[in-house]
Amino acid sequence: GPHRLRYQLFLDPAKMIPWGDGSGATRTISVSGVVGA
């Protein structure tokens, strides 16, 4: 309803790298690898 509970999400245990869309101070998770049948 009108009540809010604020939170944040991070990519590191020190909570210094905010998870986001890569803009500003946020970072994304990089994906890299090879896939086969």
Full PDB file with SEQRES, HELIX, SHEET, SSBOND, CRYST1, ORIGX, SCALE, CONECT and MASTER records, all heavy atoms in Angstrom:
SEQRES   1 A   37  GLY PRO HIS ARG LEU ARG TYR GLN LEU PHE LEU ASP PRO          
SEQRES   2 A   37  ALA LYS MET ILE PRO TRP GLY ASP GLY SER GLY ALA THR          
SEQRES   3 A   37  ARG THR ILE SER VAL SER GLY VAL VAL GLY ALA                  
CRYST1    1.000    1.000    1.000  90.00  90.00  90.00 P 1           1          
ORIGX1      1.000000  0.000000  0.000000        0.00000                         
ORIGX2      0.000000  1.000000  0.000000        0.00000                         
ORIGX3      0.000000  0.000000  1.000000        0.00000                         
SCALE1      1.000000  0.000000  0.000000        0.00000                         
SCALE2      0.000000  1.000000  0.000000        0.00000                         
SCALE3      0.000000  0.000000  1.000000        0.00000                         
ATOM      1  N   GLY A   1       0.854  -1.194   0.000  1.00  0.00           N  
ATOM      2  CA  GLY A   1       0.000   0.000   0.000  1.00  0.00           C  
ATOM      3  C   GLY A   1       0.883   1.234   0.000  1.00  0.00           C  
ATOM      4  O   GLY A   1       1.808   1.351  -0.800  1.00  0.00           O  
ATOM      5  N   PRO A   2       0.664   2.167   0.945  1.00  0.00           N  
ATOM      6  CA  PRO A   2       1.480   3.387   0.990  1.00  0.00           C  
ATOM      7  C   PRO A   2       2.839   3.188   1.665  1.00  0.00           C  
ATOM      8  O   PRO A   2       3.677   4.076   1.643  1.00  0.00           O  
ATOM      9  CB  PRO A   2       0.624   4.353   1.804  1.00  0.00           C  
ATOM     10  CG  PRO A   2      -0.138   3.457   2.731  1.00  0.00           C  
ATOM     11  CD  PRO A   2      -0.419   2.206   1.930  1.00  0.00           C  
ATOM     12  N   HIS A   3       3.085   2.047   2.256  1.00  0.00           N  
ATOM     13  CA  HIS A   3       4.320   1.796   3.005  1.00  0.00           C  
ATOM     14  C   HIS A   3       5.406   1.256   2.089  1.00  0.00           C  
ATOM     15  O   HIS A   3       5.134   0.471   1.183  1.00  0.00           O  
ATOM     16  CB  HIS A   3       4.059   0.817   4.154  1.00  0.00           C  
ATOM     17  CG  HIS A   3       2.956   1.264   5.054  1.00  0.00           C  
ATOM     18  ND1 HIS A   3       3.089   2.326   5.923  1.00  0.00           N  
ATOM     19  CD2 HIS A   3       1.698   0.811   5.187  1.00  0.00           C  
ATOM     20  CE1 HIS A   3       1.950   2.509   6.558  1.00  0.00           C  
ATOM     21  NE2 HIS A   3       1.080   1.598   6.127  1.00  0.00           N  
ATOM     22  N   ARG A   4       6.643   1.692   2.332  1.00  0.00           N  
ATOM     23  CA  ARG A   4       7.783   1.293   1.516  1.00  0.00           C  
ATOM     24  C   ARG A   4       8.870   0.680   2.388  1.00  0.00           C  
ATOM     25  O   ARG A   4       9.072   1.095   3.520  1.00  0.00           O  
ATOM     26  CB  ARG A   4       8.382   2.502   0.787  1.00  0.00           C  
ATOM     27  CG  ARG A   4       7.407   3.233  -0.116  1.00  0.00           C  
ATOM     28  CD  ARG A   4       7.218   2.442  -1.404  1.00  0.00           C  
ATOM     29  NE  ARG A   4       6.308   3.090  -2.319  1.00  0.00           N  
ATOM     30  CZ  ARG A   4       5.014   2.810  -2.433  1.00  0.00           C  
ATOM     31  NH1 ARG A   4       4.463   1.908  -1.675  1.00  0.00           N  
ATOM     32  NH2 ARG A   4       4.251   3.421  -3.301  1.00  0.00           N  
ATOM     33  N   LEU A   5       9.571  -0.300   1.803  1.00  0.00           N  
ATOM     34  CA  LEU A   5      10.729  -0.910   2.442  1.00  0.00           C  
ATOM     35  C   LEU A   5      11.849  -0.869   1.395  1.00  0.00           C  
ATOM     36  O   LEU A   5      11.810  -1.561   0.382  1.00  0.00           O  
ATOM     37  CB  LEU A   5      10.406  -2.350   2.851  1.00  0.00           C  
ATOM     38  CG  LEU A   5      11.441  -3.085   3.680  1.00  0.00           C  
ATOM     39  CD1 LEU A   5      11.752  -2.333   4.975  1.00  0.00           C  
ATOM     40  CD2 LEU A   5      10.953  -4.497   4.001  1.00  0.00           C  
ATOM     41  N   ARG A   6      12.843   0.009   1.613  1.00  0.00           N  
ATOM     42  CA  ARG A   6      13.902   0.233   0.625  1.00  0.00           C  
ATOM     43  C   ARG A   6      14.969  -0.854   0.686  1.00  0.00           C  
ATOM     44  O   ARG A   6      15.302  -1.346   1.758  1.00  0.00           O  
ATOM     45  CB  ARG A   6      14.541   1.600   0.853  1.00  0.00           C  
ATOM     46  CG  ARG A   6      13.571   2.753   0.597  1.00  0.00           C  
ATOM     47  CD  ARG A   6      14.182   4.103   0.815  1.00  0.00           C  
ATOM     48  NE  ARG A   6      14.645   4.228   2.192  1.00  0.00           N  
ATOM     49  CZ  ARG A   6      15.836   4.696   2.546  1.00  0.00           C  
ATOM     50  NH1 ARG A   6      16.686   5.121   1.633  1.00  0.00           N  
ATOM     51  NH2 ARG A   6      16.184   4.761   3.803  1.00  0.00           N  
ATOM     52  N   TYR A   7      15.479  -1.210  -0.493  1.00  0.00           N  
ATOM     53  CA  TYR A   7      16.526  -2.221  -0.594  1.00  0.00           C  
ATOM     54  C   TYR A   7      17.424  -1.904  -1.781  1.00  0.00           C  
ATOM     55  O   TYR A   7      17.093  -1.077  -2.632  1.00  0.00           O  
ATOM     56  CB  TYR A   7      15.927  -3.634  -0.736  1.00  0.00           C  
ATOM     57  CG  TYR A   7      15.245  -3.871  -2.057  1.00  0.00           C  
ATOM     58  CD1 TYR A   7      15.907  -4.486  -3.114  1.00  0.00           C  
ATOM     59  CD2 TYR A   7      13.934  -3.463  -2.272  1.00  0.00           C  
ATOM     60  CE1 TYR A   7      15.288  -4.700  -4.332  1.00  0.00           C  
ATOM     61  CE2 TYR A   7      13.306  -3.671  -3.483  1.00  0.00           C  
ATOM     62  CZ  TYR A   7      13.984  -4.283  -4.509  1.00  0.00           C  
ATOM     63  OH  TYR A   7      13.368  -4.490  -5.711  1.00  0.00           O  
ATOM     64  N   GLN A   8      18.583  -2.594  -1.824  1.00  0.00           N  
ATOM     65  CA  GLN A   8      19.532  -2.445  -2.911  1.00  0.00           C  
ATOM     66  C   GLN A   8      20.058  -3.819  -3.308  1.00  0.00           C  
ATOM     67  O   GLN A   8      20.074  -4.739  -2.484  1.00  0.00           O  
ATOM     68  CB  GLN A   8      20.707  -1.563  -2.479  1.00  0.00           C  
ATOM     69  CG  GLN A   8      20.299  -0.157  -2.106  1.00  0.00           C  
ATOM     70  CD  GLN A   8      21.424   0.582  -1.409  1.00  0.00           C  
ATOM     71  OE1 GLN A   8      22.178   0.009  -0.650  1.00  0.00           O  
ATOM     72  NE2 GLN A   8      21.527   1.874  -1.689  1.00  0.00           N  
ATOM     73  N   LEU A   9      20.514  -3.966  -4.550  1.00  0.00           N  
ATOM     74  CA  LEU A   9      21.098  -5.209  -5.044  1.00  0.00           C  
ATOM     75  C   LEU A   9      22.489  -4.932  -5.595  1.00  0.00           C  
ATOM     76  O   LEU A   9      22.691  -3.943  -6.294  1.00  0.00           O  
ATOM     77  CB  LEU A   9      20.208  -5.820  -6.131  1.00  0.00           C  
ATOM     78  CG  LEU A   9      18.807  -6.207  -5.678  1.00  0.00           C  
ATOM     79  CD1 LEU A   9      17.961  -6.641  -6.867  1.00  0.00           C  
ATOM     80  CD2 LEU A   9      18.849  -7.293  -4.626  1.00  0.00           C  
ATOM     81  N   PHE A  10      23.433  -5.814  -5.268  1.00  0.00           N  
ATOM     82  CA  PHE A  10      24.835  -5.622  -5.628  1.00  0.00           C  
ATOM     83  C   PHE A  10      25.417  -6.884  -6.249  1.00  0.00           C  
ATOM     84  O   PHE A  10      24.906  -7.981  -6.048  1.00  0.00           O  
ATOM     85  CB  PHE A  10      25.653  -5.267  -4.381  1.00  0.00           C  
ATOM     86  CG  PHE A  10      25.214  -3.998  -3.716  1.00  0.00           C  
ATOM     87  CD1 PHE A  10      24.267  -4.024  -2.706  1.00  0.00           C  
ATOM     88  CD2 PHE A  10      25.748  -2.774  -4.100  1.00  0.00           C  
ATOM     89  CE1 PHE A  10      23.865  -2.856  -2.083  1.00  0.00           C  
ATOM     90  CE2 PHE A  10      25.349  -1.606  -3.489  1.00  0.00           C  
ATOM     91  CZ  PHE A  10      24.404  -1.641  -2.476  1.00  0.00           C  
ATOM     92  N   LEU A  11      26.561  -6.726  -6.936  1.00  0.00           N  
ATOM     93  CA  LEU A  11      27.255  -7.841  -7.565  1.00  0.00           C  
ATOM     94  C   LEU A  11      28.446  -8.339  -6.753  1.00  0.00           C  
ATOM     95  O   LEU A  11      29.073  -9.324  -7.128  1.00  0.00           O  
ATOM     96  CB  LEU A  11      27.733  -7.445  -8.967  1.00  0.00           C  
ATOM     97  CG  LEU A  11      26.619  -7.136  -9.963  1.00  0.00           C  
ATOM     98  CD1 LEU A  11      27.200  -6.641 -11.275  1.00  0.00           C  
ATOM     99  CD2 LEU A  11      25.745  -8.355 -10.173  1.00  0.00           C  
ATOM    100  N   ASP A  12      28.771  -7.681  -5.646  1.00  0.00           N  
ATOM    101  CA  ASP A  12      29.942  -8.056  -4.857  1.00  0.00           C  
ATOM    102  C   ASP A  12      29.582  -8.141  -3.373  1.00  0.00           C  
ATOM    103  O   ASP A  12      28.678  -7.462  -2.909  1.00  0.00           O  
ATOM    104  CB  ASP A  12      31.071  -7.048  -5.066  1.00  0.00           C  
ATOM    105  CG  ASP A  12      30.710  -5.665  -4.553  1.00  0.00           C  
ATOM    106  OD1 ASP A  12      29.571  -5.208  -4.799  1.00  0.00           O  
ATOM    107  OD2 ASP A  12      31.556  -5.045  -3.892  1.00  0.00           O  
ATOM    108  N   PRO A  13      30.308  -8.976  -2.622  1.00  0.00           N  
ATOM    109  CA  PRO A  13      29.991  -9.139  -1.195  1.00  0.00           C  
ATOM    110  C   PRO A  13      30.212  -7.873  -0.373  1.00  0.00           C  
ATOM    111  O   PRO A  13      29.576  -7.698   0.668  1.00  0.00           O  
ATOM    112  CB  PRO A  13      30.904 -10.269  -0.736  1.00  0.00           C  
ATOM    113  CG  PRO A  13      31.825 -10.583  -1.845  1.00  0.00           C  
ATOM    114  CD  PRO A  13      31.351  -9.888  -3.075  1.00  0.00           C  
ATOM    115  N   ALA A  14      31.093  -6.987  -0.818  1.00  0.00           N  
ATOM    116  CA  ALA A  14      31.330  -5.733  -0.093  1.00  0.00           C  
ATOM    117  C   ALA A  14      30.209  -4.717  -0.334  1.00  0.00           C  
ATOM    118  O   ALA A  14      30.162  -3.680   0.299  1.00  0.00           O  
ATOM    119  CB  ALA A  14      32.665  -5.127  -0.493  1.00  0.00           C  
ATOM    120  N   LYS A  15      29.335  -5.018  -1.271  1.00  0.00           N  
ATOM    121  CA  LYS A  15      28.196  -4.167  -1.647  1.00  0.00           C  
ATOM    122  C   LYS A  15      28.648  -2.781  -2.114  1.00  0.00           C  
ATOM    123  O   LYS A  15      28.115  -1.763  -1.743  1.00  0.00           O  
ATOM    124  CB  LYS A  15      27.186  -4.090  -0.510  1.00  0.00           C  
ATOM    125  CG  LYS A  15      26.601  -5.478  -0.287  1.00  0.00           C  
ATOM    126  CD  LYS A  15      25.825  -5.564   0.973  1.00  0.00           C  
ATOM    127  CE  LYS A  15      25.555  -7.010   1.290  1.00  0.00           C  
ATOM    128  NZ  LYS A  15      26.753  -7.750   1.734  1.00  0.00           N  
ATOM    129  N   MET A  16      29.643  -2.820  -2.996  1.00  0.00           N  
ATOM    130  CA  MET A  16      30.174  -1.591  -3.576  1.00  0.00           C  
ATOM    131  C   MET A  16      29.805  -1.447  -5.055  1.00  0.00           C  
ATOM    132  O   MET A  16      29.907  -0.363  -5.606  1.00  0.00           O  
ATOM    133  CB  MET A  16      31.707  -1.567  -3.438  1.00  0.00           C  
ATOM    134  CG  MET A  16      32.203  -1.660  -2.009  1.00  0.00           C  
ATOM    135  SD  MET A  16      31.779  -0.212  -1.036  1.00  0.00           S  
ATOM    136  CE  MET A  16      32.856   0.995  -1.734  1.00  0.00           C  
ATOM    137  N   ILE A  17      29.386  -2.554  -5.709  1.00  0.00           N  
ATOM    138  CA  ILE A  17      29.082  -2.529  -7.143  1.00  0.00           C  
ATOM    139  C   ILE A  17      27.590  -2.777  -7.325  1.00  0.00           C  
ATOM    140  O   ILE A  17      27.134  -3.925  -7.273  1.00  0.00           O  
ATOM    141  CB  ILE A  17      29.898  -3.590  -7.916  1.00  0.00           C  
ATOM    142  CG1 ILE A  17      31.400  -3.397  -7.667  1.00  0.00           C  
ATOM    143  CG2 ILE A  17      29.567  -3.530  -9.405  1.00  0.00           C  
ATOM    144  CD1 ILE A  17      32.265  -4.523  -8.187  1.00  0.00           C  
ATOM    145  N   PRO A  18      26.799  -1.716  -7.523  1.00  0.00           N  
ATOM    146  CA  PRO A  18      25.359  -1.886  -7.699  1.00  0.00           C  
ATOM    147  C   PRO A  18      25.034  -2.621  -8.997  1.00  0.00           C  
ATOM    148  O   PRO A  18      25.628  -2.348 -10.037  1.00  0.00           O  
ATOM    149  CB  PRO A  18      24.807  -0.458  -7.757  1.00  0.00           C  
ATOM    150  CG  PRO A  18      25.935   0.441  -7.425  1.00  0.00           C  
ATOM    151  CD  PRO A  18      27.209  -0.313  -7.567  1.00  0.00           C  
ATOM    152  N   TRP A  19      24.086  -3.557  -8.916  1.00  0.00           N  
ATOM    153  CA  TRP A  19      23.634  -4.282 -10.100  1.00  0.00           C  
ATOM    154  C   TRP A  19      22.593  -3.432 -10.787  1.00  0.00           C  
ATOM    155  O   TRP A  19      21.664  -2.906 -10.160  1.00  0.00           O  
ATOM    156  CB  TRP A  19      23.035  -5.617  -9.678  1.00  0.00           C  
ATOM    157  CG  TRP A  19      22.659  -6.520 -10.809  1.00  0.00           C  
ATOM    158  CD1 TRP A  19      23.128  -6.497 -12.091  1.00  0.00           C  
ATOM    159  CD2 TRP A  19      21.733  -7.590 -10.758  1.00  0.00           C  
ATOM    160  NE1 TRP A  19      22.551  -7.502 -12.832  1.00  0.00           N  
ATOM    161  CE2 TRP A  19      21.687  -8.186 -12.035  1.00  0.00           C  
ATOM    162  CE3 TRP A  19      20.926  -8.123  -9.752  1.00  0.00           C  
ATOM    163  CZ2 TRP A  19      20.873  -9.262 -12.329  1.00  0.00           C  
ATOM    164  CZ3 TRP A  19      20.122  -9.200 -10.045  1.00  0.00           C  
ATOM    165  CH2 TRP A  19      20.103  -9.764 -11.322  1.00  0.00           C  
ATOM    166  N   GLY A  20      22.740  -3.248 -12.087  1.00  0.00           N  
ATOM    167  CA  GLY A  20      21.794  -2.419 -12.832  1.00  0.00           C  
ATOM    168  C   GLY A  20      21.895  -2.681 -14.321  1.00  0.00           C  
ATOM    169  O   GLY A  20      22.172  -3.796 -14.757  1.00  0.00           O  
ATOM    170  N   ASP A  21      21.709  -1.620 -15.089  1.00  0.00           N  
ATOM    171  CA  ASP A  21      21.702  -1.748 -16.552  1.00  0.00           C  
ATOM    172  C   ASP A  21      23.015  -1.285 -17.179  1.00  0.00           C  
ATOM    173  O   ASP A  21      23.126  -1.190 -18.391  1.00  0.00           O  
ATOM    174  CB  ASP A  21      20.531  -0.977 -17.146  1.00  0.00           C  
ATOM    175  CG  ASP A  21      20.598   0.517 -16.870  1.00  0.00           C  
ATOM    176  OD1 ASP A  21      21.586   0.994 -16.249  1.00  0.00           O  
ATOM    177  OD2 ASP A  21      19.651   1.219 -17.250  1.00  0.00           O  
ATOM    178  N   GLY A  22      24.009  -0.978 -16.353  1.00  0.00           N  
ATOM    179  CA  GLY A  22      25.299  -0.531 -16.860  1.00  0.00           C  
ATOM    180  C   GLY A  22      25.429   0.974 -16.949  1.00  0.00           C  
ATOM    181  O   GLY A  22      26.494   1.481 -17.246  1.00  0.00           O  
ATOM    182  N   SER A  23      24.364   1.707 -16.683  1.00  0.00           N  
ATOM    183  CA  SER A  23      24.450   3.167 -16.722  1.00  0.00           C  
ATOM    184  C   SER A  23      24.865   3.689 -15.352  1.00  0.00           C  
ATOM    185  O   SER A  23      24.689   3.018 -14.336  1.00  0.00           O  
ATOM    186  CB  SER A  23      23.110   3.773 -17.150  1.00  0.00           C  
ATOM    187  OG  SER A  23      22.123   3.505 -16.190  1.00  0.00           O  
ATOM    188  N   GLY A  24      25.419   4.893 -15.352  1.00  0.00           N  
ATOM    189  CA  GLY A  24      25.846   5.500 -14.095  1.00  0.00           C  
ATOM    190  C   GLY A  24      26.854   4.617 -13.387  1.00  0.00           C  
ATOM    191  O   GLY A  24      27.789   4.110 -13.983  1.00  0.00           O  
ATOM    192  N   ALA A  25      26.648   4.403 -12.092  1.00  0.00           N  
ATOM    193  CA  ALA A  25      27.561   3.594 -11.293  1.00  0.00           C  
ATOM    194  C   ALA A  25      27.205   2.115 -11.320  1.00  0.00           C  
ATOM    195  O   ALA A  25      27.871   1.314 -10.679  1.00  0.00           O  
ATOM    196  CB  ALA A  25      27.542   4.098  -9.850  1.00  0.00           C  
ATOM    197  N   THR A  26      26.169   1.732 -12.051  1.00  0.00           N  
ATOM    198  CA  THR A  26      25.737   0.330 -12.037  1.00  0.00           C  
ATOM    199  C   THR A  26      26.540  -0.527 -13.009  1.00  0.00           C  
ATOM    200  O   THR A  26      27.106  -0.023 -13.979  1.00  0.00           O  
ATOM    201  CB  THR A  26      24.238   0.188 -12.367  1.00  0.00           C  
ATOM    202  OG1 THR A  26      24.019   0.490 -13.744  1.00  0.00           O  
ATOM    203  CG2 THR A  26      23.389   1.076 -11.480  1.00  0.00           C  
ATOM    204  N   ARG A  27      26.540  -1.814 -12.739  1.00  0.00           N  
ATOM    205  CA  ARG A  27      27.224  -2.772 -13.600  1.00  0.00           C  
ATOM    206  C   ARG A  27      26.254  -3.884 -13.980  1.00  0.00           C  
ATOM    207  O   ARG A  27      25.251  -4.107 -13.322  1.00  0.00           O  
ATOM    208  CB  ARG A  27      28.422  -3.404 -12.883  1.00  0.00           C  
ATOM    209  CG  ARG A  27      29.489  -2.423 -12.453  1.00  0.00           C  
ATOM    210  CD  ARG A  27      30.286  -1.933 -13.656  1.00  0.00           C  
ATOM    211  NE  ARG A  27      31.419  -1.133 -13.265  1.00  0.00           N  
ATOM    212  CZ  ARG A  27      31.396   0.176 -13.130  1.00  0.00           C  
ATOM    213  NH1 ARG A  27      30.290   0.837 -13.320  1.00  0.00           N  
ATOM    214  NH2 ARG A  27      32.479   0.837 -12.806  1.00  0.00           N  
ATOM    215  N   THR A  28      26.593  -4.605 -15.029  1.00  0.00           N  
ATOM    216  CA  THR A  28      25.838  -5.783 -15.446  1.00  0.00           C  
ATOM    217  C   THR A  28      26.698  -7.019 -15.184  1.00  0.00           C  
ATOM    218  O   THR A  28      27.892  -6.903 -14.917  1.00  0.00           O  
ATOM    219  CB  THR A  28      25.473  -5.709 -16.942  1.00  0.00           C  
ATOM    220  OG1 THR A  28      26.684  -5.654 -17.699  1.00  0.00           O  
ATOM    221  CG2 THR A  28      24.622  -4.482 -17.245  1.00  0.00           C  
ATOM    222  N   ILE A  29      26.094  -8.184 -15.290  1.00  0.00           N  
ATOM    223  CA  ILE A  29      26.835  -9.435 -15.179  1.00  0.00           C  
ATOM    224  C   ILE A  29      27.288  -9.821 -16.577  1.00  0.00           C  
ATOM    225  O   ILE A  29      26.471  -9.910 -17.495  1.00  0.00           O  
ATOM    226  CB  ILE A  29      25.940 -10.541 -14.591  1.00  0.00           C  
ATOM    227  CG1 ILE A  29      25.489 -10.177 -13.176  1.00  0.00           C  
ATOM    228  CG2 ILE A  29      26.671 -11.885 -14.606  1.00  0.00           C  
ATOM    229  CD1 ILE A  29      24.429 -11.110 -12.610  1.00  0.00           C  
ATOM    230  N   SER A  30      28.578 -10.047 -16.758  1.00  0.00           N  
ATOM    231  CA  SER A  30      29.111 -10.465 -18.048  1.00  0.00           C  
ATOM    232  C   SER A  30      28.944 -11.975 -18.210  1.00  0.00           C  
ATOM    233  O   SER A  30      29.214 -12.731 -17.280  1.00  0.00           O  
ATOM    234  CB  SER A  30      30.591 -10.115 -18.174  1.00  0.00           C  
ATOM    235  OG  SER A  30      30.740  -8.725 -18.197  1.00  0.00           O  
ATOM    236  N   VAL A  31      28.502 -12.379 -19.382  1.00  0.00           N  
ATOM    237  CA  VAL A  31      28.299 -13.786 -19.714  1.00  0.00           C  
ATOM    238  C   VAL A  31      29.235 -14.136 -20.862  1.00  0.00           C  
ATOM    239  O   VAL A  31      29.264 -13.419 -21.866  1.00  0.00           O  
ATOM    240  CB  VAL A  31      26.832 -14.041 -20.137  1.00  0.00           C  
ATOM    241  CG1 VAL A  31      26.649 -15.459 -20.633  1.00  0.00           C  
ATOM    242  CG2 VAL A  31      25.878 -13.710 -19.013  1.00  0.00           C  
ATOM    243  N   SER A  32      29.988 -15.219 -20.725  1.00  0.00           N  
ATOM    244  CA  SER A  32      30.894 -15.636 -21.781  1.00  0.00           C  
ATOM    245  C   SER A  32      31.134 -17.133 -21.668  1.00  0.00           C  
ATOM    246  O   SER A  32      31.353 -17.650 -20.575  1.00  0.00           O  
ATOM    247  CB  SER A  32      32.221 -14.889 -21.657  1.00  0.00           C  
ATOM    248  OG  SER A  32      33.103 -15.277 -22.687  1.00  0.00           O  
ATOM    249  N   GLY A  33      31.076 -17.821 -22.795  1.00  0.00           N  
ATOM    250  CA  GLY A  33      31.348 -19.250 -22.793  1.00  0.00           C  
ATOM    251  C   GLY A  33      30.999 -19.887 -24.115  1.00  0.00           C  
ATOM    252  O   GLY A  33      30.534 -19.231 -25.044  1.00  0.00           O  
ATOM    253  N   VAL A  34      31.233 -21.195 -24.186  1.00  0.00           N  
ATOM    254  CA  VAL A  34      30.969 -21.969 -25.394  1.00  0.00           C  
ATOM    255  C   VAL A  34      29.943 -23.033 -25.056  1.00  0.00           C  
ATOM    256  O   VAL A  34      30.000 -23.659 -23.999  1.00  0.00           O  
ATOM    257  CB  VAL A  34      32.266 -22.622 -25.919  1.00  0.00           C  
ATOM    258  CG1 VAL A  34      31.996 -23.500 -27.122  1.00  0.00           C  
ATOM    259  CG2 VAL A  34      33.287 -21.548 -26.256  1.00  0.00           C  
ATOM    260  N   VAL A  35      28.996 -23.239 -25.979  1.00  0.00           N  
ATOM    261  CA  VAL A  35      27.953 -24.237 -25.791  1.00  0.00           C  
ATOM    262  C   VAL A  35      27.909 -25.135 -27.023  1.00  0.00           C  
ATOM    263  O   VAL A  35      28.110 -24.671 -28.149  1.00  0.00           O  
ATOM    264  CB  VAL A  35      26.583 -23.563 -25.528  1.00  0.00           C  
ATOM    265  CG1 VAL A  35      26.158 -22.706 -26.690  1.00  0.00           C  
ATOM    266  CG2 VAL A  35      25.517 -24.582 -25.196  1.00  0.00           C  
ATOM    267  N   GLY A  36      27.691 -26.407 -26.791  1.00  0.00           N  
ATOM    268  CA  GLY A  36      27.560 -27.373 -27.877  1.00  0.00           C  
ATOM    269  C   GLY A  36      26.391 -28.295 -27.599  1.00  0.00           C  
ATOM    270  O   GLY A  36      25.774 -28.240 -26.537  1.00  0.00           O  
ATOM    271  N   ALA A  37      26.089 -29.173 -28.544  1.00  0.00           N  
ATOM    272  CA  ALA A  37      24.947 -30.077 -28.401  1.00  0.00           C  
ATOM    273  C   ALA A  37      25.068 -30.973 -27.176  1.00  0.00           C  
ATOM    274  O   ALA A  37      24.071 -31.284 -26.535  1.00  0.00           O  
ATOM    275  CB  ALA A  37      24.800 -30.917 -29.662  1.00  0.00           C  
TER     276      ALA A  37                                                      
MASTER        0    0    0    0    0    0    0    6  275    1    0    3          
END                                                                             
